[in-house]
N, C-alpha and C. Protein backbone atom coordinates (compact mmCIF):
# COMPACT_ATOMS: atom_id res chain seq x y z
N MET A 1 -11.49 19.19 25.52
CA MET A 1 -10.95 18.22 24.58
C MET A 1 -11.85 16.98 24.57
N THR A 2 -12.18 16.49 23.39
CA THR A 2 -13.05 15.33 23.28
C THR A 2 -12.22 14.06 23.20
N ALA A 3 -12.80 12.99 23.68
CA ALA A 3 -12.13 11.69 23.62
C ALA A 3 -12.23 11.14 22.20
N LEU A 4 -11.19 10.46 21.79
CA LEU A 4 -11.18 9.84 20.46
C LEU A 4 -12.13 8.65 20.44
N ASP A 5 -13.01 8.62 19.49
CA ASP A 5 -13.90 7.48 19.30
C ASP A 5 -13.18 6.53 18.34
N ALA A 6 -12.28 5.70 18.90
CA ALA A 6 -11.42 4.83 18.09
C ALA A 6 -12.22 3.85 17.25
N ALA A 7 -13.28 3.31 17.82
CA ALA A 7 -14.08 2.33 17.06
C ALA A 7 -14.75 3.02 15.87
N ARG A 8 -15.23 4.23 16.07
CA ARG A 8 -15.87 4.97 14.96
C ARG A 8 -14.86 5.30 13.88
N LEU A 9 -13.66 5.73 14.30
CA LEU A 9 -12.60 6.04 13.33
C LEU A 9 -12.24 4.79 12.53
N ALA A 10 -12.04 3.68 13.20
CA ALA A 10 -11.70 2.42 12.51
C ALA A 10 -12.83 2.00 11.57
N ALA A 11 -14.08 2.23 11.99
CA ALA A 11 -15.22 1.86 11.16
C ALA A 11 -15.35 2.74 9.92
N VAL A 12 -14.74 3.91 9.95
CA VAL A 12 -14.76 4.80 8.77
C VAL A 12 -13.58 4.49 7.85
N ILE A 13 -12.41 4.24 8.43
CA ILE A 13 -11.19 4.09 7.63
C ILE A 13 -11.28 2.89 6.68
N SER A 14 -11.68 1.75 7.18
CA SER A 14 -11.68 0.55 6.34
C SER A 14 -12.62 0.66 5.14
N PRO A 15 -13.90 1.05 5.35
CA PRO A 15 -14.77 1.20 4.17
C PRO A 15 -14.33 2.33 3.24
N LEU A 16 -13.76 3.39 3.80
CA LEU A 16 -13.26 4.49 2.97
C LEU A 16 -12.15 3.98 2.06
N ARG A 17 -11.24 3.19 2.60
CA ARG A 17 -10.15 2.63 1.81
C ARG A 17 -10.68 1.71 0.71
N ARG A 18 -11.60 0.83 1.07
CA ARG A 18 -12.16 -0.09 0.06
C ARG A 18 -12.90 0.67 -1.03
N THR A 19 -13.67 1.68 -0.64
CA THR A 19 -14.42 2.48 -1.61
C THR A 19 -13.47 3.20 -2.55
N LEU A 20 -12.41 3.78 -2.02
CA LEU A 20 -11.43 4.50 -2.85
C LEU A 20 -10.72 3.53 -3.80
N LEU A 21 -10.32 2.37 -3.29
CA LEU A 21 -9.66 1.37 -4.15
C LEU A 21 -10.57 0.97 -5.31
N SER A 22 -11.80 0.68 -4.99
CA SER A 22 -12.75 0.24 -6.02
C SER A 22 -13.03 1.35 -7.04
N ALA A 23 -13.25 2.56 -6.56
CA ALA A 23 -13.55 3.68 -7.47
C ALA A 23 -12.35 4.00 -8.35
N ALA A 24 -11.14 3.97 -7.79
CA ALA A 24 -9.94 4.24 -8.58
C ALA A 24 -9.72 3.14 -9.61
N ARG A 25 -9.95 1.89 -9.21
CA ARG A 25 -9.82 0.77 -10.14
C ARG A 25 -10.79 0.93 -11.31
N ASP A 26 -12.03 1.29 -10.98
CA ASP A 26 -13.03 1.48 -12.03
C ASP A 26 -12.68 2.65 -12.94
N ALA A 27 -12.23 3.76 -12.36
CA ALA A 27 -11.93 4.96 -13.14
C ALA A 27 -10.80 4.73 -14.13
N GLU A 28 -9.81 3.93 -13.74
CA GLU A 28 -8.64 3.69 -14.59
C GLU A 28 -8.66 2.32 -15.26
N HIS A 29 -9.75 1.55 -15.06
CA HIS A 29 -9.86 0.20 -15.62
C HIS A 29 -8.65 -0.64 -15.22
N LEU A 30 -8.33 -0.59 -13.92
CA LEU A 30 -7.19 -1.31 -13.38
C LEU A 30 -7.59 -2.70 -12.93
N PRO A 31 -6.65 -3.65 -13.01
CA PRO A 31 -6.96 -5.00 -12.53
C PRO A 31 -7.05 -5.01 -11.01
N GLU A 32 -7.76 -5.98 -10.49
CA GLU A 32 -7.84 -6.13 -9.03
C GLU A 32 -6.57 -6.85 -8.57
N ILE A 33 -5.84 -6.21 -7.70
CA ILE A 33 -4.61 -6.79 -7.16
C ILE A 33 -4.85 -7.04 -5.67
N PRO A 34 -4.63 -8.27 -5.20
CA PRO A 34 -4.85 -8.56 -3.78
C PRO A 34 -4.02 -7.65 -2.87
N ASP A 35 -4.58 -7.34 -1.70
CA ASP A 35 -3.91 -6.45 -0.75
C ASP A 35 -2.49 -6.91 -0.42
N ALA A 36 -2.29 -8.20 -0.25
CA ALA A 36 -0.95 -8.69 0.11
C ALA A 36 0.06 -8.37 -1.00
N GLN A 37 -0.37 -8.46 -2.25
CA GLN A 37 0.52 -8.13 -3.36
C GLN A 37 0.79 -6.62 -3.40
N ILE A 38 -0.22 -5.84 -3.10
CA ILE A 38 -0.04 -4.38 -3.04
C ILE A 38 0.98 -4.03 -1.97
N GLU A 39 0.93 -4.70 -0.83
CA GLU A 39 1.89 -4.43 0.24
C GLU A 39 3.31 -4.77 -0.19
N ILE A 40 3.48 -5.83 -0.95
CA ILE A 40 4.81 -6.17 -1.45
C ILE A 40 5.31 -5.09 -2.40
N ILE A 41 4.45 -4.63 -3.30
CA ILE A 41 4.87 -3.59 -4.23
C ILE A 41 5.22 -2.31 -3.48
N ARG A 42 4.43 -1.96 -2.48
CA ARG A 42 4.72 -0.74 -1.70
C ARG A 42 6.03 -0.90 -0.90
N ALA A 43 6.38 -2.13 -0.56
CA ALA A 43 7.62 -2.38 0.19
C ALA A 43 8.85 -2.36 -0.72
N LEU A 44 8.63 -2.26 -2.03
CA LEU A 44 9.73 -2.22 -3.00
C LEU A 44 9.66 -0.90 -3.78
N PRO A 45 10.12 0.18 -3.18
CA PRO A 45 10.06 1.46 -3.91
C PRO A 45 10.84 1.39 -5.23
N ARG A 46 10.49 2.29 -6.09
CA ARG A 46 11.15 2.41 -7.40
C ARG A 46 12.68 2.34 -7.25
N ASP A 47 13.31 1.59 -8.13
CA ASP A 47 14.77 1.46 -8.18
C ASP A 47 15.40 0.84 -6.93
N THR A 48 14.64 -0.04 -6.25
CA THR A 48 15.21 -0.77 -5.13
C THR A 48 15.01 -2.26 -5.36
N ALA A 49 15.79 -3.04 -4.65
CA ALA A 49 15.66 -4.50 -4.70
C ALA A 49 15.77 -5.03 -3.29
N SER A 50 15.08 -6.12 -3.03
CA SER A 50 15.14 -6.79 -1.73
C SER A 50 15.11 -8.28 -1.95
N SER A 51 15.62 -9.01 -1.00
CA SER A 51 15.51 -10.46 -1.07
C SER A 51 14.11 -10.84 -0.56
N PRO A 52 13.64 -12.03 -0.94
CA PRO A 52 12.36 -12.48 -0.40
C PRO A 52 12.35 -12.52 1.13
N GLY A 53 13.46 -12.90 1.73
CA GLY A 53 13.55 -12.93 3.19
C GLY A 53 13.45 -11.55 3.80
N GLU A 54 14.09 -10.56 3.18
CA GLU A 54 13.99 -9.18 3.66
C GLU A 54 12.54 -8.69 3.58
N LEU A 55 11.87 -9.02 2.47
CA LEU A 55 10.47 -8.63 2.32
C LEU A 55 9.61 -9.29 3.39
N ALA A 56 9.83 -10.56 3.64
CA ALA A 56 9.06 -11.27 4.66
C ALA A 56 9.22 -10.59 6.01
N GLY A 57 10.47 -10.26 6.37
CA GLY A 57 10.72 -9.60 7.64
C GLY A 57 10.08 -8.23 7.72
N ARG A 58 10.22 -7.47 6.66
CA ARG A 58 9.67 -6.11 6.63
C ARG A 58 8.15 -6.11 6.75
N LEU A 59 7.51 -7.10 6.14
CA LEU A 59 6.04 -7.14 6.13
C LEU A 59 5.45 -8.01 7.23
N GLY A 60 6.30 -8.70 7.98
CA GLY A 60 5.79 -9.57 9.04
C GLY A 60 5.07 -10.80 8.52
N LEU A 61 5.53 -11.29 7.36
CA LEU A 61 4.94 -12.48 6.74
C LEU A 61 5.96 -13.61 6.75
N SER A 62 5.47 -14.83 6.62
CA SER A 62 6.39 -15.97 6.55
C SER A 62 7.07 -15.99 5.18
N ARG A 63 8.24 -16.60 5.13
CA ARG A 63 8.95 -16.73 3.85
C ARG A 63 8.15 -17.52 2.81
N PRO A 64 7.52 -18.64 3.21
CA PRO A 64 6.72 -19.37 2.21
C PRO A 64 5.57 -18.52 1.66
N THR A 65 4.94 -17.72 2.51
CA THR A 65 3.85 -16.85 2.05
C THR A 65 4.37 -15.85 1.03
N VAL A 66 5.50 -15.22 1.34
CA VAL A 66 6.09 -14.26 0.41
C VAL A 66 6.49 -14.95 -0.89
N SER A 67 7.05 -16.13 -0.79
CA SER A 67 7.45 -16.87 -1.99
C SER A 67 6.23 -17.15 -2.88
N ASN A 68 5.13 -17.58 -2.27
CA ASN A 68 3.90 -17.84 -3.04
C ASN A 68 3.36 -16.56 -3.68
N LEU A 69 3.37 -15.47 -2.93
CA LEU A 69 2.92 -14.19 -3.47
C LEU A 69 3.79 -13.76 -4.65
N LEU A 70 5.12 -13.90 -4.48
CA LEU A 70 6.04 -13.50 -5.55
C LEU A 70 5.85 -14.35 -6.80
N THR A 71 5.57 -15.63 -6.63
CA THR A 71 5.33 -16.49 -7.79
C THR A 71 4.12 -16.00 -8.58
N ALA A 72 3.03 -15.69 -7.89
CA ALA A 72 1.83 -15.18 -8.56
C ALA A 72 2.10 -13.82 -9.19
N MET A 73 2.82 -12.97 -8.48
CA MET A 73 3.11 -11.63 -8.99
C MET A 73 4.02 -11.68 -10.20
N GLU A 74 4.98 -12.58 -10.18
CA GLU A 74 5.89 -12.74 -11.32
C GLU A 74 5.10 -13.22 -12.54
N ALA A 75 4.16 -14.14 -12.33
CA ALA A 75 3.33 -14.64 -13.43
C ALA A 75 2.47 -13.53 -14.04
N ASN A 76 2.11 -12.53 -13.22
CA ASN A 76 1.31 -11.40 -13.70
C ASN A 76 2.15 -10.21 -14.14
N GLY A 77 3.47 -10.38 -14.16
CA GLY A 77 4.35 -9.32 -14.64
C GLY A 77 4.51 -8.15 -13.70
N LEU A 78 4.28 -8.36 -12.38
CA LEU A 78 4.38 -7.27 -11.41
C LEU A 78 5.74 -7.18 -10.74
N VAL A 79 6.45 -8.29 -10.65
CA VAL A 79 7.80 -8.30 -10.07
C VAL A 79 8.70 -9.19 -10.92
N GLU A 80 9.99 -8.98 -10.74
CA GLU A 80 10.99 -9.87 -11.34
C GLU A 80 11.90 -10.37 -10.22
N ARG A 81 12.23 -11.64 -10.30
CA ARG A 81 13.26 -12.21 -9.41
C ARG A 81 14.48 -12.44 -10.26
N ARG A 82 15.61 -12.00 -9.75
CA ARG A 82 16.85 -12.17 -10.51
C ARG A 82 17.99 -12.48 -9.55
N PRO A 83 19.06 -13.10 -10.07
CA PRO A 83 20.20 -13.41 -9.19
C PRO A 83 20.77 -12.13 -8.59
N ARG A 84 21.13 -12.21 -7.31
CA ARG A 84 21.71 -11.06 -6.63
C ARG A 84 23.15 -10.87 -7.12
N PRO A 85 23.52 -9.66 -7.54
CA PRO A 85 24.90 -9.42 -7.99
C PRO A 85 25.90 -9.80 -6.89
N GLY A 86 26.89 -10.51 -7.27
CA GLY A 86 27.93 -10.92 -6.32
C GLY A 86 27.61 -12.20 -5.58
N ASN A 87 26.40 -12.68 -5.66
CA ASN A 87 26.03 -13.92 -4.98
C ASN A 87 24.88 -14.56 -5.75
N ARG A 88 25.20 -15.28 -6.77
CA ARG A 88 24.19 -15.81 -7.69
C ARG A 88 23.32 -16.91 -7.07
N ARG A 89 23.67 -17.34 -5.85
CA ARG A 89 22.83 -18.34 -5.18
C ARG A 89 21.60 -17.70 -4.54
N HIS A 90 21.62 -16.39 -4.39
CA HIS A 90 20.49 -15.68 -3.79
C HIS A 90 19.80 -14.83 -4.85
N VAL A 91 18.51 -14.59 -4.63
CA VAL A 91 17.77 -13.76 -5.57
C VAL A 91 17.36 -12.45 -4.91
N GLU A 92 17.11 -11.47 -5.77
CA GLU A 92 16.54 -10.22 -5.31
C GLU A 92 15.28 -9.97 -6.12
N VAL A 93 14.41 -9.18 -5.55
CA VAL A 93 13.12 -8.91 -6.17
C VAL A 93 13.03 -7.42 -6.48
N VAL A 94 12.54 -7.11 -7.68
CA VAL A 94 12.30 -5.72 -8.07
C VAL A 94 10.90 -5.63 -8.68
N VAL A 95 10.29 -4.46 -8.54
CA VAL A 95 8.99 -4.26 -9.19
C VAL A 95 9.23 -3.94 -10.66
N THR A 96 8.27 -4.28 -11.47
CA THR A 96 8.39 -4.05 -12.91
C THR A 96 7.81 -2.69 -13.29
N ALA A 97 8.12 -2.27 -14.50
CA ALA A 97 7.54 -1.04 -15.03
C ALA A 97 6.01 -1.15 -15.07
N LYS A 98 5.50 -2.35 -15.35
CA LYS A 98 4.05 -2.56 -15.38
C LYS A 98 3.44 -2.25 -14.02
N ALA A 99 4.04 -2.76 -12.94
CA ALA A 99 3.53 -2.51 -11.59
C ALA A 99 3.60 -1.03 -11.24
N LEU A 100 4.72 -0.40 -11.58
CA LEU A 100 4.86 1.03 -11.29
C LEU A 100 3.83 1.86 -12.05
N ASP A 101 3.57 1.49 -13.30
CA ASP A 101 2.55 2.19 -14.08
C ASP A 101 1.17 2.02 -13.45
N LEU A 102 0.83 0.81 -13.04
CA LEU A 102 -0.46 0.57 -12.40
C LEU A 102 -0.60 1.42 -11.13
N PHE A 103 0.46 1.49 -10.34
CA PHE A 103 0.40 2.26 -9.10
C PHE A 103 0.33 3.76 -9.37
N ASP A 104 1.06 4.24 -10.36
CA ASP A 104 0.97 5.65 -10.72
C ASP A 104 -0.45 6.00 -11.16
N ARG A 105 -1.04 5.13 -11.98
CA ARG A 105 -2.41 5.36 -12.44
C ARG A 105 -3.40 5.30 -11.28
N PHE A 106 -3.21 4.35 -10.38
CA PHE A 106 -4.09 4.26 -9.22
C PHE A 106 -3.96 5.51 -8.35
N ASP A 107 -2.74 5.93 -8.06
CA ASP A 107 -2.54 7.10 -7.20
C ASP A 107 -3.14 8.35 -7.82
N ARG A 108 -2.96 8.49 -9.12
CA ARG A 108 -3.51 9.66 -9.82
C ARG A 108 -5.05 9.63 -9.76
N ALA A 109 -5.64 8.48 -10.05
CA ALA A 109 -7.10 8.35 -10.01
C ALA A 109 -7.62 8.57 -8.60
N GLY A 110 -6.94 8.00 -7.61
CA GLY A 110 -7.36 8.18 -6.22
C GLY A 110 -7.33 9.64 -5.81
N GLY A 111 -6.25 10.34 -6.18
CA GLY A 111 -6.15 11.76 -5.87
C GLY A 111 -7.26 12.56 -6.53
N ASP A 112 -7.54 12.26 -7.79
CA ASP A 112 -8.61 12.96 -8.51
C ASP A 112 -9.97 12.70 -7.86
N LEU A 113 -10.22 11.46 -7.47
CA LEU A 113 -11.50 11.11 -6.84
C LEU A 113 -11.67 11.80 -5.49
N VAL A 114 -10.63 11.80 -4.69
CA VAL A 114 -10.70 12.46 -3.38
C VAL A 114 -10.89 13.96 -3.56
N SER A 115 -10.18 14.53 -4.51
CA SER A 115 -10.32 15.96 -4.77
C SER A 115 -11.74 16.32 -5.19
N ALA A 116 -12.31 15.54 -6.09
CA ALA A 116 -13.68 15.80 -6.55
C ALA A 116 -14.69 15.62 -5.41
N ALA A 117 -14.51 14.58 -4.61
CA ALA A 117 -15.43 14.36 -3.49
C ALA A 117 -15.29 15.46 -2.44
N ALA A 118 -14.05 15.86 -2.16
CA ALA A 118 -13.82 16.92 -1.17
C ALA A 118 -14.44 18.24 -1.63
N ALA A 119 -14.48 18.47 -2.93
CA ALA A 119 -15.07 19.70 -3.46
C ALA A 119 -16.56 19.80 -3.15
N THR A 120 -17.19 18.68 -2.85
CA THR A 120 -18.63 18.70 -2.52
C THR A 120 -18.86 18.99 -1.05
N LEU A 121 -17.80 19.00 -0.26
CA LEU A 121 -17.92 19.25 1.18
C LEU A 121 -17.90 20.74 1.47
N THR A 122 -18.27 21.08 2.67
CA THR A 122 -18.23 22.49 3.08
C THR A 122 -16.77 22.91 3.25
N PRO A 123 -16.49 24.20 3.15
CA PRO A 123 -15.13 24.66 3.41
C PRO A 123 -14.62 24.24 4.79
N GLU A 124 -15.50 24.21 5.78
CA GLU A 124 -15.10 23.79 7.13
C GLU A 124 -14.68 22.33 7.15
N ASP A 125 -15.42 21.49 6.43
CA ASP A 125 -15.05 20.07 6.37
C ASP A 125 -13.70 19.89 5.66
N ARG A 126 -13.48 20.63 4.57
CA ARG A 126 -12.20 20.53 3.86
C ARG A 126 -11.05 20.98 4.76
N GLU A 127 -11.27 22.05 5.52
CA GLU A 127 -10.24 22.52 6.46
C GLU A 127 -9.97 21.47 7.54
N ALA A 128 -11.04 20.84 8.02
CA ALA A 128 -10.87 19.81 9.05
C ALA A 128 -10.08 18.62 8.50
N LEU A 129 -10.35 18.22 7.27
CA LEU A 129 -9.59 17.13 6.65
C LEU A 129 -8.12 17.51 6.49
N THR A 130 -7.87 18.71 6.03
CA THR A 130 -6.49 19.18 5.87
C THR A 130 -5.77 19.19 7.21
N ALA A 131 -6.44 19.68 8.24
CA ALA A 131 -5.83 19.73 9.57
C ALA A 131 -5.59 18.33 10.14
N ALA A 132 -6.44 17.36 9.76
CA ALA A 132 -6.32 16.00 10.30
C ALA A 132 -5.22 15.18 9.63
N LEU A 133 -4.77 15.58 8.43
CA LEU A 133 -3.79 14.76 7.70
C LEU A 133 -2.53 14.42 8.50
N PRO A 134 -1.85 15.39 9.13
CA PRO A 134 -0.64 15.01 9.88
C PRO A 134 -0.93 13.99 10.99
N ALA A 135 -2.05 14.15 11.69
CA ALA A 135 -2.38 13.20 12.75
C ALA A 135 -2.69 11.83 12.16
N LEU A 136 -3.38 11.78 11.03
CA LEU A 136 -3.68 10.50 10.39
C LEU A 136 -2.40 9.82 9.90
N GLU A 137 -1.45 10.59 9.39
CA GLU A 137 -0.17 10.01 8.97
C GLU A 137 0.58 9.45 10.17
N ARG A 138 0.56 10.16 11.29
CA ARG A 138 1.22 9.64 12.50
C ARG A 138 0.50 8.40 13.02
N LEU A 139 -0.84 8.38 12.93
CA LEU A 139 -1.60 7.20 13.33
C LEU A 139 -1.22 6.01 12.47
N ARG A 140 -1.13 6.22 11.15
CA ARG A 140 -0.72 5.15 10.24
C ARG A 140 0.66 4.62 10.64
N ASP A 141 1.59 5.53 10.90
CA ASP A 141 2.94 5.12 11.27
C ASP A 141 2.95 4.36 12.59
N ALA A 142 2.16 4.82 13.57
CA ALA A 142 2.09 4.13 14.86
C ALA A 142 1.51 2.73 14.71
N LEU A 143 0.53 2.59 13.82
CA LEU A 143 -0.06 1.27 13.60
C LEU A 143 0.88 0.32 12.86
N SER A 144 1.80 0.88 12.07
CA SER A 144 2.71 0.02 11.31
C SER A 144 3.94 -0.39 12.10
N ARG A 145 4.18 0.23 13.24
CA ARG A 145 5.31 -0.17 14.10
C ARG A 145 4.97 -1.47 14.82
N PRO A 146 5.98 -2.31 15.03
CA PRO A 146 5.70 -3.54 15.78
C PRO A 146 5.28 -3.20 17.21
N SER A 147 4.33 -3.94 17.73
CA SER A 147 3.92 -3.73 19.12
C SER A 147 4.98 -4.32 20.03
N PRO A 148 5.06 -3.86 21.28
CA PRO A 148 6.09 -4.39 22.21
C PRO A 148 6.05 -5.90 22.34
N LYS A 149 4.87 -6.52 22.24
CA LYS A 149 4.80 -7.99 22.36
C LYS A 149 5.41 -8.70 21.17
N ASP A 150 5.53 -7.98 20.01
CA ASP A 150 6.10 -8.57 18.79
C ASP A 150 7.62 -8.47 18.75
N ILE A 151 8.19 -7.70 19.65
CA ILE A 151 9.65 -7.47 19.62
C ILE A 151 10.37 -8.50 20.45
């Protein structure tokens, strides 16, 4: 069994992500959306609503930071803030159809780009990527959990 070269893996993941984002944006002529705004949209799945405070807690961001992000996102038509049913003093946040369309287009373009690039690899490399997916998903999940010092 070989030891994991964590630094090499990290050095591949970040540029791979940036390259895919850029290529998908170019392929679909999508606007550049800051990573922090993307994280907010991903934290608000279709047909869900959250308060700004819930979003801040979920993403590990301060409330003022989330409020500033939401203001910019609302101005760009990516989210809506509306009074919370039953308690009009509080607001809830939902993603807009525009944001969902942008993400659907990005995901589709990203999938197409990865598929086309993978087709240029050897069958052994494609098999290795397929076999690595569950471990990469678990790695992503482990990285997104709060560390013991954060609890």
